[in-house]
Amino acid sequence: MVLFRESKVETFWALFYTNATLLIAAGTPLKTVANRLGHAQPSTTNNIYTHSIKSADEAAAETLEDILSPTKNLKKKNSKSKIR
């Protein structure tokens, strides 16, 4: 019994979308992603994948916070090193 069947077109667009989202989340420059997707302007990519860009930005902010907050890092390391 087949519960769900995707067409080749749906599969293509799912892969296309996943490709863009993963590249953006990994920090690939927006202009590079736009070029790979065939978008003439990075603003097109920005408009379509805004949620991915926001999550990547939030991750970058957390990384910067970790770098600039040595006491926070120390607390994280101590909590991870405790045996439970």
N, C-alpha and C. Protein backbone atom coordinates (compact mmCIF):
# COMPACT_ATOMS: atom_id res chain seq x y z
N MET A 1 0.84 -1.18 0.00
CA MET A 1 0.00 0.00 0.00
C MET A 1 0.89 1.25 0.00
N VAL A 2 0.65 2.15 -0.91
CA VAL A 2 1.41 3.40 -1.01
C VAL A 2 0.60 4.49 -0.31
N LEU A 3 1.19 5.06 0.74
CA LEU A 3 0.49 6.11 1.48
C LEU A 3 0.72 7.48 0.88
N PHE A 4 1.92 7.68 0.31
CA PHE A 4 2.25 9.00 -0.21
C PHE A 4 3.18 8.82 -1.40
N ARG A 5 2.84 9.44 -2.49
CA ARG A 5 3.69 9.33 -3.66
C ARG A 5 3.94 10.74 -4.20
N GLU A 6 5.20 11.09 -4.30
CA GLU A 6 5.55 12.40 -4.85
C GLU A 6 5.82 12.28 -6.34
N SER A 7 5.50 13.30 -7.06
CA SER A 7 5.84 13.32 -8.48
C SER A 7 7.30 13.73 -8.61
N LYS A 8 7.86 13.53 -9.77
CA LYS A 8 9.26 13.93 -10.01
C LYS A 8 9.42 15.44 -9.86
N VAL A 9 8.40 16.18 -10.24
CA VAL A 9 8.46 17.63 -10.12
C VAL A 9 8.51 18.04 -8.65
N GLU A 10 7.67 17.44 -7.83
CA GLU A 10 7.66 17.76 -6.39
C GLU A 10 9.00 17.40 -5.76
N THR A 11 9.57 16.25 -6.14
CA THR A 11 10.86 15.82 -5.61
C THR A 11 11.95 16.81 -6.00
N PHE A 12 11.93 17.26 -7.26
CA PHE A 12 12.92 18.23 -7.72
C PHE A 12 12.86 19.49 -6.87
N TRP A 13 11.66 20.03 -6.67
CA TRP A 13 11.54 21.28 -5.92
C TRP A 13 11.88 21.09 -4.45
N ALA A 14 11.60 19.92 -3.90
CA ALA A 14 11.98 19.64 -2.52
C ALA A 14 13.50 19.65 -2.39
N LEU A 15 14.18 19.04 -3.35
CA LEU A 15 15.65 19.03 -3.33
C LEU A 15 16.21 20.44 -3.57
N PHE A 16 15.59 21.17 -4.46
CA PHE A 16 16.00 22.53 -4.77
C PHE A 16 15.92 23.40 -3.51
N TYR A 17 14.79 23.30 -2.82
CA TYR A 17 14.55 24.07 -1.60
C TYR A 17 15.52 23.65 -0.50
N THR A 18 15.72 22.35 -0.35
CA THR A 18 16.64 21.84 0.67
C THR A 18 18.06 22.31 0.39
N ASN A 19 18.48 22.26 -0.85
CA ASN A 19 19.79 22.73 -1.26
C ASN A 19 20.00 24.18 -0.81
N ALA A 20 19.06 25.03 -1.14
CA ALA A 20 19.18 26.45 -0.79
C ALA A 20 19.20 26.64 0.72
N THR A 21 18.31 25.97 1.41
CA THR A 21 18.21 26.13 2.86
C THR A 21 19.49 25.68 3.56
N LEU A 22 20.03 24.53 3.16
CA LEU A 22 21.25 24.02 3.78
C LEU A 22 22.45 24.92 3.51
N LEU A 23 22.55 25.42 2.29
CA LEU A 23 23.66 26.33 1.96
C LEU A 23 23.59 27.60 2.79
N ILE A 24 22.40 28.17 2.91
CA ILE A 24 22.23 29.39 3.70
C ILE A 24 22.52 29.12 5.16
N ALA A 25 22.01 28.03 5.68
CA ALA A 25 22.22 27.68 7.09
C ALA A 25 23.70 27.45 7.40
N ALA A 26 24.45 26.98 6.40
CA ALA A 26 25.88 26.73 6.58
C ALA A 26 26.72 27.99 6.44
N GLY A 27 26.06 29.11 6.11
CA GLY A 27 26.79 30.37 6.02
C GLY A 27 27.33 30.71 4.64
N THR A 28 26.87 30.00 3.63
CA THR A 28 27.29 30.32 2.26
C THR A 28 26.77 31.71 1.91
N PRO A 29 27.62 32.54 1.32
CA PRO A 29 27.16 33.90 0.97
C PRO A 29 25.89 33.86 0.10
N LEU A 30 24.99 34.76 0.40
CA LEU A 30 23.71 34.81 -0.29
C LEU A 30 23.88 34.96 -1.80
N LYS A 31 24.85 35.74 -2.22
CA LYS A 31 25.08 35.93 -3.66
C LYS A 31 25.46 34.60 -4.32
N THR A 32 26.24 33.79 -3.63
CA THR A 32 26.64 32.48 -4.16
C THR A 32 25.43 31.57 -4.28
N VAL A 33 24.61 31.55 -3.25
CA VAL A 33 23.39 30.72 -3.28
C VAL A 33 22.47 31.19 -4.40
N ALA A 34 22.30 32.48 -4.52
CA ALA A 34 21.45 33.04 -5.58
C ALA A 34 21.95 32.61 -6.96
N ASN A 35 23.25 32.68 -7.17
CA ASN A 35 23.82 32.26 -8.45
C ASN A 35 23.56 30.78 -8.72
N ARG A 36 23.73 29.94 -7.71
CA ARG A 36 23.51 28.50 -7.87
C ARG A 36 22.04 28.19 -8.18
N LEU A 37 21.15 29.00 -7.65
CA LEU A 37 19.72 28.77 -7.87
C LEU A 37 19.23 29.39 -9.18
N GLY A 38 20.07 30.19 -9.80
CA GLY A 38 19.68 30.84 -11.05
C GLY A 38 18.91 32.12 -10.84
N HIS A 39 18.98 32.67 -9.64
CA HIS A 39 18.31 33.95 -9.36
C HIS A 39 19.20 35.09 -9.86
N ALA A 40 18.61 36.02 -10.58
CA ALA A 40 19.37 37.15 -11.11
C ALA A 40 19.83 38.08 -10.00
N GLN A 41 19.04 38.19 -8.95
CA GLN A 41 19.35 39.08 -7.84
C GLN A 41 19.35 38.31 -6.52
N PRO A 42 20.31 38.56 -5.64
CA PRO A 42 20.28 37.94 -4.31
C PRO A 42 19.02 38.29 -3.53
N SER A 43 18.41 39.43 -3.85
CA SER A 43 17.18 39.83 -3.15
C SER A 43 16.05 38.82 -3.39
N THR A 44 16.04 38.18 -4.55
CA THR A 44 15.04 37.14 -4.82
C THR A 44 15.22 35.99 -3.84
N THR A 45 16.46 35.55 -3.70
CA THR A 45 16.78 34.46 -2.77
C THR A 45 16.43 34.88 -1.35
N ASN A 46 16.78 36.11 -1.01
CA ASN A 46 16.50 36.64 0.32
C ASN A 46 15.00 36.61 0.62
N ASN A 47 14.20 37.03 -0.35
CA ASN A 47 12.75 37.07 -0.15
C ASN A 47 12.14 35.68 0.01
N ILE A 48 12.65 34.71 -0.73
CA ILE A 48 12.08 33.37 -0.70
C ILE A 48 12.53 32.60 0.53
N TYR A 49 13.80 32.76 0.91
CA TYR A 49 14.38 31.94 1.98
C TYR A 49 14.66 32.74 3.25
N THR A 50 13.86 33.76 3.51
CA THR A 50 14.06 34.63 4.66
C THR A 50 14.12 33.86 5.97
N HIS A 51 13.25 32.87 6.15
CA HIS A 51 13.25 32.12 7.41
C HIS A 51 14.58 31.40 7.64
N SER A 52 15.19 30.90 6.56
CA SER A 52 16.48 30.23 6.70
C SER A 52 17.57 31.22 7.06
N ILE A 53 17.49 32.39 6.48
CA ILE A 53 18.47 33.43 6.76
C ILE A 53 18.34 33.88 8.22
N LYS A 54 17.10 33.98 8.71
CA LYS A 54 16.89 34.37 10.11
C LYS A 54 17.47 33.34 11.05
N SER A 55 17.26 32.04 10.77
CA SER A 55 17.79 31.02 11.67
C SER A 55 19.31 30.99 11.61
N ALA A 56 19.90 31.24 10.45
CA ALA A 56 21.35 31.30 10.34
C ALA A 56 21.88 32.51 11.10
N ASP A 57 21.15 33.61 11.03
CA ASP A 57 21.55 34.82 11.76
C ASP A 57 21.47 34.59 13.26
N GLU A 58 20.42 33.91 13.71
CA GLU A 58 20.28 33.61 15.14
C GLU A 58 21.43 32.71 15.61
N ALA A 59 21.81 31.74 14.79
CA ALA A 59 22.93 30.86 15.14
C ALA A 59 24.24 31.66 15.21
N ALA A 60 24.41 32.59 14.29
CA ALA A 60 25.61 33.43 14.30
C ALA A 60 25.65 34.31 15.55
N ALA A 61 24.50 34.84 15.93
CA ALA A 61 24.43 35.66 17.14
C ALA A 61 24.77 34.85 18.38
N GLU A 62 24.29 33.61 18.44
CA GLU A 62 24.60 32.74 19.58
C GLU A 62 26.09 32.42 19.63
N THR A 63 26.68 32.17 18.48
CA THR A 63 28.11 31.89 18.42
C THR A 63 28.91 33.08 18.91
N LEU A 64 28.54 34.26 18.45
CA LEU A 64 29.23 35.47 18.88
C LEU A 64 29.07 35.69 20.38
N GLU A 65 27.88 35.44 20.89
CA GLU A 65 27.65 35.56 22.33
C GLU A 65 28.54 34.59 23.10
N ASP A 66 28.68 33.38 22.61
CA ASP A 66 29.55 32.40 23.26
C ASP A 66 31.01 32.86 23.26
N ILE A 67 31.43 33.43 22.15
CA ILE A 67 32.81 33.91 22.05
C ILE A 67 33.07 35.07 23.01
N LEU A 68 32.10 35.97 23.12
CA LEU A 68 32.29 37.18 23.92
C LEU A 68 31.93 37.00 25.39
N SER A 69 31.40 35.85 25.76
CA SER A 69 31.00 35.61 27.15
C SER A 69 31.79 34.44 27.72
N PRO A 70 33.03 34.68 28.14
CA PRO A 70 33.85 33.57 28.62
C PRO A 70 33.27 32.88 29.85
N THR A 71 32.59 33.61 30.73
CA THR A 71 32.02 32.97 31.91
C THR A 71 30.87 32.05 31.53
N LYS A 72 30.12 32.41 30.50
CA LYS A 72 29.04 31.56 30.01
C LYS A 72 29.64 30.26 29.47
N ASN A 73 30.75 30.38 28.73
CA ASN A 73 31.41 29.19 28.19
C ASN A 73 31.92 28.30 29.30
N LEU A 74 32.46 28.89 30.35
CA LEU A 74 32.98 28.13 31.47
C LEU A 74 31.85 27.34 32.14
N LYS A 75 30.70 27.98 32.31
CA LYS A 75 29.55 27.30 32.91
C LYS A 75 29.09 26.13 32.04
N LYS A 76 29.08 26.33 30.71
CA LYS A 76 28.68 25.28 29.80
C LYS A 76 29.63 24.09 29.90
N LYS A 77 30.95 24.38 29.92
CA LYS A 77 31.94 23.31 30.00
C LYS A 77 31.82 22.55 31.30
N ASN A 78 31.61 23.28 32.41
CA ASN A 78 31.50 22.62 33.71
C ASN A 78 30.25 21.74 33.78
N SER A 79 29.16 22.21 33.22
CA SER A 79 27.92 21.41 33.27
C SER A 79 28.04 20.17 32.41
N LYS A 80 28.79 20.24 31.32
CA LYS A 80 28.97 19.08 30.45
C LYS A 80 29.93 18.07 31.05
N SER A 81 30.88 18.55 31.85
CA SER A 81 31.89 17.64 32.37
C SER A 81 31.43 16.90 33.62
N LYS A 82 30.36 17.32 34.25
CA LYS A 82 29.84 16.64 35.44
C LYS A 82 29.22 15.31 35.04
N ILE A 83 29.54 14.29 35.82
CA ILE A 83 28.96 12.97 35.58
C ILE A 83 27.61 12.90 36.29
N ARG A 84 26.62 12.42 35.57
CA ARG A 84 25.27 12.35 36.12
C ARG A 84 24.84 10.94 36.30
